[in-house]
Amino acid sequence: MRVASLLPGATEMVHFAGAADALVGVTHECDYPPGVEKLPKLTSTPVDSSNLTSAEIDAAINARLTDEGSIYALDGELLRELDPDLVVTQGLCDVCAVSMDLVEKAVSGFAERPGIISLNPASLDDVLADTLKLGGVLGRGEEAEERVAALKKRLDRVEESVSGLARPRVACIEWLDPPFSAGHWVPEMVRLAGGEEVFAGPGERSARLTWDEVLEADPDFLILTPCGFDVARAVEEARRLPELPGWADLRAVRGGRVWAADANSYFSRPAPRLVEGVEVLARILHPGVLGDEPETPKAARFAGPHPAASRRRIR
């Protein structure tokens, strides 16, 4: 089977299921596992976010949303040349991937129309179920089942480790300017890690907030998870936050409990690595509960306007 993945999370799922050789094309944002970026790129976007602030990115996206509800372009000619048997896309977020309308238009003229799977997870269980579904379609059902079972055991370990501990109030912020709550699977991740998300319930969509609302909620922990950003980029964007009126009065700020996380890898992308995101959260909310930490930096404490002030990292 030849697979065209129009969603970075789906690309990760295909690899996770052991079917990496089936991939013939991916998006311009697919970056995991290493090496996948060498495959043909089926998508592009006019929004170059590398040198823009959060506010500038938000404005650029809103200005460029097309009638099809997407900021992405799909290379229909390349898709035809790659001749996939299966196209994997999504309908969850208009600014996260190519819209379903663009995909339908692109394949409408194919001599043999490829199969289309649209992934629309709203919870961590949905993400794992989608992983199993893709594994089955690709003939790797047994391998996918074994690996997903291992992920569920890791989640069980986290839940058992935090059982009976005090559950701090947590605000995960999915975008910083303007601020957005982190919905979908993130509230579930917070619960599994031993906290209570204050702005969104399990499965709810992310919603626009104001910093006044964040200040009024006054959470015990503030977790900065700007969609698509790694730790360094999240910390860089967070430099502006101490300028907000009332910032220094926040309970999380006074207690040194503001963290910047690698959202691109472990929070915003619906893929198996969300399980690592749960483990990251557990280590932030309840230090020491999971013992030794893995080697890759996944989050850093934000202690002020300078990244060098970060005193602890989750690895």
Protein backbone atom coordinates (compact mmCIF):
# COMPACT_ATOMS: atom_id res chain seq x y z
CA MET A 1 0.00 0.00 0.00
CA ARG A 2 1.17 3.50 -0.90
CA VAL A 3 0.25 6.14 1.67
CA ALA A 4 0.15 9.94 1.37
CA SER A 5 0.04 11.54 4.81
CA LEU A 6 -1.37 15.06 4.98
CA LEU A 7 -1.08 15.22 8.76
CA PRO A 8 2.14 15.10 10.84
CA GLY A 9 0.37 13.07 13.51
CA ALA A 10 -0.67 10.48 10.92
CA THR A 11 2.91 10.27 9.68
CA GLU A 12 3.98 9.43 13.22
CA MET A 13 1.21 6.84 13.53
CA VAL A 14 2.29 5.09 10.33
CA HIS A 15 5.86 4.87 11.61
CA PHE A 16 4.67 3.78 15.05
CA ALA A 17 2.77 0.89 13.47
CA GLY A 18 5.90 -0.24 11.65
CA ALA A 19 4.70 0.75 8.18
CA ALA A 20 7.15 3.54 7.39
CA ASP A 21 7.98 2.00 4.01
CA ALA A 22 4.40 2.62 2.89
CA LEU A 23 4.79 6.41 3.02
CA VAL A 24 5.29 8.02 -0.40
CA GLY A 25 4.52 11.66 0.49
CA VAL A 26 4.13 13.82 3.58
CA THR A 27 3.50 17.45 4.61
CA HIS A 28 6.05 20.23 4.81
CA GLU A 29 5.63 20.09 8.61
CA CYS A 30 6.36 16.39 9.07
CA ASP A 31 9.55 16.21 11.14
CA TYR A 32 9.32 13.01 13.16
CA PRO A 33 10.83 10.50 13.21
CA PRO A 34 14.10 11.92 11.82
CA GLY A 35 14.46 11.21 8.11
CA VAL A 36 10.79 11.60 7.20
CA GLU A 37 11.52 15.12 5.98
CA LYS A 38 13.33 13.58 2.98
CA LEU A 39 10.06 12.34 1.49
CA PRO A 40 8.23 14.40 -1.18
CA LYS A 41 6.33 17.35 0.29
CA LEU A 42 2.68 17.52 -0.71
CA THR A 43 1.77 20.73 1.12
CA SER A 44 2.98 24.30 1.54
CA THR A 45 1.84 27.52 3.18
CA PRO A 46 2.47 31.21 2.51
CA VAL A 47 2.79 31.86 6.26
CA ASP A 48 6.46 31.74 7.26
CA SER A 49 6.22 31.69 11.05
CA SER A 50 9.94 31.33 11.75
CA ASN A 51 10.53 35.03 12.44
CA LEU A 52 7.04 36.11 13.52
CA THR A 53 5.66 36.66 17.00
CA SER A 54 2.56 34.82 18.20
CA ALA A 55 0.41 37.88 17.47
CA GLU A 56 1.86 38.22 13.97
CA ILE A 57 1.30 34.53 13.23
CA ASP A 58 -2.32 34.80 14.41
CA ALA A 59 -2.91 37.82 12.18
CA ALA A 60 -1.24 36.19 9.17
CA ILE A 61 -3.32 33.03 9.53
CA ASN A 62 -6.59 34.93 9.84
CA ALA A 63 -5.70 37.01 6.78
CA ARG A 64 -4.91 33.97 4.64
CA LEU A 65 -7.69 31.51 5.47
CA THR A 66 -9.13 30.50 2.10
CA ASP A 67 -12.72 29.78 1.14
CA GLU A 68 -11.85 26.11 1.60
CA GLY A 69 -10.98 26.86 5.21
CA SER A 70 -7.24 26.24 5.00
CA ILE A 71 -3.99 28.16 5.04
CA TYR A 72 -2.31 25.29 3.21
CA ALA A 73 -1.89 24.50 -0.45
CA LEU A 74 -1.98 20.92 -1.69
CA ASP A 75 0.17 19.93 -4.66
CA GLY A 76 -2.45 17.97 -6.57
CA GLU A 77 -0.12 17.20 -9.47
CA LEU A 78 2.49 15.67 -7.17
CA LEU A 79 -0.22 13.71 -5.40
CA ARG A 80 -1.31 12.30 -8.75
CA GLU A 81 2.29 11.38 -9.64
CA LEU A 82 2.82 9.62 -6.31
CA ASP A 83 -0.34 7.59 -7.00
CA PRO A 84 -1.21 6.69 -3.40
CA ASP A 85 -3.66 3.95 -2.49
CA LEU A 86 -4.53 5.80 0.71
CA VAL A 87 -4.60 9.49 1.68
CA VAL A 88 -4.71 10.32 5.40
CA THR A 89 -6.03 13.74 6.37
CA GLN A 90 -8.08 15.39 9.14
CA GLY A 91 -11.09 17.57 9.78
CA LEU A 92 -10.27 18.65 13.31
CA CYS A 93 -8.61 22.03 12.81
CA ASP A 94 -8.70 24.47 9.90
CA VAL A 95 -5.23 25.80 10.66
CA CYS A 96 -3.52 22.48 11.44
CA ALA A 97 -3.57 20.70 8.08
CA VAL A 98 -4.98 20.66 4.56
CA SER A 99 -8.77 20.90 4.54
CA MET A 100 -10.92 17.98 3.48
CA ASP A 101 -12.36 20.07 0.63
CA LEU A 102 -8.91 20.45 -0.93
CA VAL A 103 -8.26 16.72 -0.66
CA GLU A 104 -11.59 15.82 -2.26
CA LYS A 105 -10.95 18.21 -5.15
CA ALA A 106 -7.43 16.87 -5.66
CA VAL A 107 -8.46 13.22 -5.97
CA SER A 108 -11.71 13.79 -7.88
CA GLY A 109 -9.98 13.44 -11.24
CA PHE A 110 -7.91 10.36 -10.46
CA ALA A 111 -8.44 7.39 -12.76
CA GLU A 112 -8.50 5.23 -9.66
CA ARG A 113 -9.62 7.23 -6.66
CA PRO A 114 -7.49 6.48 -3.57
CA GLY A 115 -9.06 5.68 -0.23
CA ILE A 116 -9.31 8.61 2.18
CA ILE A 117 -9.15 8.35 5.95
CA SER A 118 -9.98 11.47 7.95
CA LEU A 119 -8.76 11.45 11.55
CA ASN A 120 -10.71 13.63 13.97
CA PRO A 121 -9.63 12.72 17.51
CA ALA A 122 -11.04 14.65 20.45
CA SER A 123 -9.37 12.65 23.22
CA LEU A 124 -6.26 10.65 24.00
CA ASP A 125 -8.29 7.46 23.63
CA ASP A 126 -9.33 8.64 20.16
CA VAL A 127 -5.70 9.19 19.19
CA LEU A 128 -4.76 5.66 20.29
CA ALA A 129 -7.84 4.26 18.51
CA ASP A 130 -6.83 6.07 15.30
CA THR A 131 -3.36 4.55 15.63
CA LEU A 132 -4.90 1.09 15.83
CA LYS A 133 -7.19 1.84 12.88
CA LEU A 134 -4.31 2.97 10.67
CA GLY A 135 -2.23 -0.02 11.72
CA GLY A 136 -5.04 -2.35 10.72
CA VAL A 137 -5.58 -0.70 7.34
CA LEU A 138 -1.84 -0.95 6.65
CA GLY A 139 -1.68 -4.63 7.56
CA ARG A 140 0.19 -3.93 10.80
CA GLY A 141 -2.71 -4.45 13.17
CA GLU A 142 -0.97 -6.87 15.49
CA GLU A 143 2.14 -4.72 15.83
CA ALA A 144 0.05 -1.61 16.42
CA GLU A 145 -1.98 -3.39 19.11
CA GLU A 146 1.17 -4.47 20.96
CA ARG A 147 2.65 -0.98 20.88
CA VAL A 148 -0.56 0.76 21.89
CA ALA A 149 -0.92 -1.72 24.77
CA ALA A 150 2.56 -0.68 25.92
CA LEU A 151 1.52 2.98 25.81
CA LYS A 152 -1.56 2.25 27.90
CA LYS A 153 0.63 0.56 30.50
CA ARG A 154 2.72 3.73 30.71
CA LEU A 155 -0.44 5.76 31.25
CA ASP A 156 -1.56 3.32 33.95
CA ARG A 157 1.82 3.74 35.66
CA VAL A 158 1.44 7.54 35.69
CA GLU A 159 -2.12 7.37 37.00
CA GLU A 160 -1.09 4.96 39.76
CA SER A 161 1.93 7.09 40.69
CA VAL A 162 -0.16 10.23 41.27
CA SER A 163 -3.11 8.47 42.89
CA GLY A 164 -3.98 10.00 46.24
CA LEU A 165 -1.79 13.09 45.74
CA ALA A 166 -3.16 16.63 45.89
CA ARG A 167 -4.43 17.73 42.47
CA PRO A 168 -3.20 21.25 41.62
CA ARG A 169 -5.21 23.57 39.38
CA VAL A 170 -3.51 23.76 35.98
CA ALA A 171 -3.90 26.17 33.07
CA CYS A 172 -2.43 24.91 29.80
CA ILE A 173 -2.21 27.78 27.30
CA GLU A 174 -2.20 26.64 23.66
CA TRP A 175 -1.36 30.05 22.18
CA LEU A 176 0.10 33.10 23.88
CA ASP A 177 -1.01 36.14 21.87
CA PRO A 178 -3.95 36.00 21.91
CA PRO A 179 -4.13 33.33 24.61
CA PHE A 180 -6.10 30.15 23.89
CA SER A 181 -7.07 27.33 26.21
CA ALA A 182 -5.72 23.89 25.38
CA GLY A 183 -8.70 21.67 24.62
CA HIS A 184 -9.32 18.28 23.01
CA TRP A 185 -7.00 15.71 24.66
CA VAL A 186 -4.98 18.11 26.85
CA PRO A 187 -7.46 18.28 29.78
CA GLU A 188 -7.43 14.48 29.85
CA MET A 189 -3.63 14.52 29.88
CA VAL A 190 -3.66 16.91 32.83
CA ARG A 191 -6.06 14.67 34.73
CA LEU A 192 -3.96 11.56 34.11
CA ALA A 193 -0.88 13.47 35.30
CA GLY A 194 -2.55 14.37 38.59
CA GLY A 195 -3.92 17.87 37.97
CA GLU A 196 -7.15 19.67 37.13
CA GLU A 197 -7.35 21.80 33.99
CA VAL A 198 -9.15 25.08 34.76
CA PHE A 199 -10.15 26.30 31.28
CA ALA A 200 -11.29 23.28 29.28
CA GLY A 201 -12.99 19.96 29.86
CA PRO A 202 -12.08 16.65 28.17
CA GLY A 203 -12.89 16.75 24.46
CA GLU A 204 -13.79 20.43 24.40
CA ARG A 205 -12.37 22.58 21.62
CA SER A 206 -9.66 25.11 22.34
CA ALA A 207 -11.13 28.56 22.99
CA ARG A 208 -9.86 32.10 22.86
CA LEU A 209 -9.15 33.65 26.27
CA THR A 210 -7.91 36.94 27.63
CA TRP A 211 -4.97 37.28 29.99
CA ASP A 212 -7.39 38.90 32.42
CA GLU A 213 -9.26 35.58 32.54
CA VAL A 214 -6.00 33.75 33.21
CA LEU A 215 -5.14 36.19 35.99
CA GLU A 216 -8.60 35.83 37.50
CA ALA A 217 -8.39 32.01 37.43
CA ASP A 218 -5.01 32.23 39.21
CA PRO A 219 -3.94 28.59 38.62
CA ASP A 220 -1.36 26.75 40.71
CA PHE A 221 0.55 25.83 37.53
CA LEU A 222 0.75 27.64 34.22
CA ILE A 223 1.90 25.39 31.37
CA LEU A 224 2.75 27.21 28.15
CA THR A 225 2.14 24.89 25.20
CA PRO A 226 1.94 27.13 22.11
CA CYS A 227 0.86 24.97 19.19
CA GLY A 228 3.73 23.96 16.92
CA PHE A 229 6.50 25.42 19.14
CA ASP A 230 9.34 23.56 20.80
CA VAL A 231 10.73 24.46 24.24
CA ALA A 232 13.14 27.15 23.03
CA ARG A 233 10.51 28.88 20.90
CA ALA A 234 7.94 28.72 23.71
CA VAL A 235 10.41 30.29 26.14
CA GLU A 236 11.24 33.00 23.62
CA GLU A 237 7.56 33.88 23.21
CA ALA A 238 7.07 33.83 26.98
CA ARG A 239 9.62 36.62 27.44
CA ARG A 240 6.82 39.14 26.88
CA LEU A 241 4.53 37.78 29.57
CA PRO A 242 6.17 39.47 32.59
CA GLU A 243 5.15 42.80 31.04
CA LEU A 244 1.46 41.95 31.58
CA PRO A 245 -0.22 43.90 34.40
CA GLY A 246 -0.73 41.55 37.32
CA TRP A 247 1.65 38.87 36.02
CA ALA A 248 3.87 38.99 39.12
CA ASP A 249 0.81 38.45 41.34
CA LEU A 250 -0.12 35.11 39.77
CA ARG A 251 0.10 32.20 42.20
CA ALA A 252 2.04 30.16 39.60
CA VAL A 253 4.54 32.98 39.04
CA ARG A 254 5.11 33.58 42.75
CA GLY A 255 5.70 29.87 43.27
CA GLY A 256 8.00 29.42 40.25
CA ARG A 257 5.46 27.11 38.61
CA VAL A 258 5.33 28.52 35.09
CA TRP A 259 6.63 26.04 32.53
CA ALA A 260 7.28 26.18 28.79
CA ALA A 261 6.83 22.83 27.06
CA ASP A 262 7.63 21.23 23.71
CA ALA A 263 4.06 21.38 22.44
CA ASN A 264 4.96 20.43 18.88
CA SER A 265 6.16 17.01 20.01
CA TYR A 266 4.11 16.17 23.09
CA PHE A 267 0.92 18.25 23.33
CA SER A 268 -0.53 19.79 20.17
CA ARG A 269 0.05 16.96 17.69
CA PRO A 270 -2.41 14.03 17.91
CA ALA A 271 0.07 11.17 17.84
CA PRO A 272 1.41 8.42 20.15
CA ARG A 273 3.94 10.82 21.71
CA LEU A 274 1.08 12.42 23.66
CA VAL A 275 1.76 9.67 26.18
CA GLU A 276 5.18 11.23 26.75
CA GLY A 277 3.36 14.52 27.22
CA VAL A 278 1.39 12.98 30.10
CA GLU A 279 4.67 11.86 31.66
CA VAL A 280 6.11 15.37 31.21
CA LEU A 281 3.11 16.86 32.99
CA ALA A 282 3.36 14.35 35.84
CA ARG A 283 7.01 15.27 36.39
CA ILE A 284 6.11 18.96 36.45
CA LEU A 285 3.10 18.65 38.77
CA HIS A 286 4.51 15.93 41.02
CA PRO A 287 8.35 15.91 40.90
CA GLY A 288 9.92 12.56 41.61
CA VAL A 289 6.84 10.41 41.06
CA LEU A 290 8.21 8.72 37.94
CA GLY A 291 11.83 8.36 39.02
CA ASP A 292 14.56 8.80 36.42
CA GLU A 293 13.79 11.08 33.51
CA PRO A 294 14.53 10.42 29.82
CA GLU A 295 17.35 12.30 28.14
CA THR A 296 15.56 14.58 25.67
CA PRO A 297 14.58 18.04 27.00
CA LYS A 298 10.80 18.34 26.89
CA ALA A 299 9.99 21.29 29.16
CA ALA A 300 11.75 24.11 31.01
CA ARG A 301 10.71 26.18 33.98
CA PHE A 302 10.12 29.77 32.92
CA ALA A 303 11.39 31.95 35.74
CA GLY A 304 11.31 35.39 34.14
CA PRO A 305 12.06 37.33 30.97
CA HIS A 306 15.36 35.56 30.33
CA PRO A 307 15.54 31.89 29.26
CA ALA A 308 18.80 31.56 31.20
CA ALA A 309 16.77 32.05 34.37
CA SER A 310 15.13 28.66 33.88
CA ARG A 311 16.21 26.60 36.88
CA ARG A 312 15.00 23.14 35.97
CA ARG A 313 14.28 21.10 32.87
CA ILE A 314 12.22 18.02 32.26
CA ARG A 315 14.26 15.63 30.18
